[in-house]
Amino acid sequence: LKKRLEKCNQDILDYVEEFRDFSKMVLSRLAGLNSYKAEVKSEVENLLTRIERAQRDIDYFGSVTDSNTCIEVHEDLVKQQLFEEAEEKKKLKLMLNASCDHMLAGIKSLKIVKKTGDKHGSWMKDPGKKHTKIYLLNGSVNNVILEFANIMIFMENNRTLKARRVTLPFPWEGTGHIIYQGFLFYHRYGSLNEIIKFNIQKRNITDQMLLPGAGRIPAYQLSPSTKIDLAIDEQGLWAIHAEPETEGNIVITKINHITMAVEHTWDTSCNSKDAEAAFMACNTLYVVYNLPSGGTSRIQCVYDVLDAVNTHEIPALHFPKRQGSHSTIHYNPKEKQLFAWGDGSQIIYKLHTKQKV
């Protein structure tokens, strides 16, 4: 037993000694690890610093690249827009027949053909037909057209006895209607912006459309009953109106008279304030102004949709030998005359034209 105890004691001493050696080894390794840890920490901190510097460089070069890209994209957009505008002008010139090259230079004379009807109304010929018929549309709200075989019969005293009466299914509003190629185009009374195409011979409605943006305010301040003024020139059917969004400036719209579709719209620089009427001639809008109390009518705002006229150099054109106001002024492209309604009188103005410059 004594020997066995001695052996156990010796074993314990051996174990203690081994544990001491192991502890020393562990402590030595831990000291090495601490040193390595410090080195690793230093390397990591150095690496983070380099990464941050590299990130700043990347951000800088990225911002420069983005800036150049934005500039290039902006320039491309401008080029594309200029190209599209040029193409649009080409299409418009083709659509509107750029060979129409004359402009109004003066109003030579007037002829009061007859004095009949209310203060407001319109009268006209059909420039799209070869016949000599005269049409009278009396009043700013009505549904009866009077058709005369020619101007001589119209001038006779008993005019209504020889007139063909055409009754519309819906009355018109204002005095801005027009007759072209056998159809009456008019703003339907009670509607905001509905334009009706009516076949005069067959006495039925052929088509209708809504004119975007129109009908909320008068086309001309001095003719408040007319919200939409329809016009005919060498290029066909137009609509003239004003919108609140344009601060009362006049808007003109080209309409395909066959399909009743909008072809193009222009916001003009002509204001509707103190305007009493307007007409289209050879792709150009002429706005007629007057005094609220009536006076000498004058054209003092011109807008050419193809920019073929230097409108800033055009002097005001006065209507000759007459004091009063106009309810309607329509251009007849076939006869190159204005058919006007002034205070119940039916008037023809002869025009002086010149080449566009």
Foldseek 3Di string as FASTA:
>chain_A
DVVVVVVVVVVVVVVVVVVVVVVVVVVVVVVVVVVVVVVVVVVVVVVVVVVVVVVVVVVVVVVVVVVVVVVVVVVVVVVVVVVVVVVVLVVVCVLLVVVLFKDFQAFDAKDFLAFAAAQAWFKDDALQDPFAKIWTGHDQKAFKIWIARHSVLCSDPPNRVRTDIAGAPFIAWAHQWDHYPQWIWGHGPPDQAKIWTARRVVNGTDDIDGDPQWRPFCLAPLRGRHGWHWAQEPSGIKIWHAHVVLVQFIKMWDADPVVRDTDDIDGDPHHRYQWQEWYDYSQKIWTWGADSVKFWIKTQAMDHPSPLAPSVPRHIYTHPDDIFGWRYWYANNNQRWIFTRHRRTTMIIHTDMDGGD
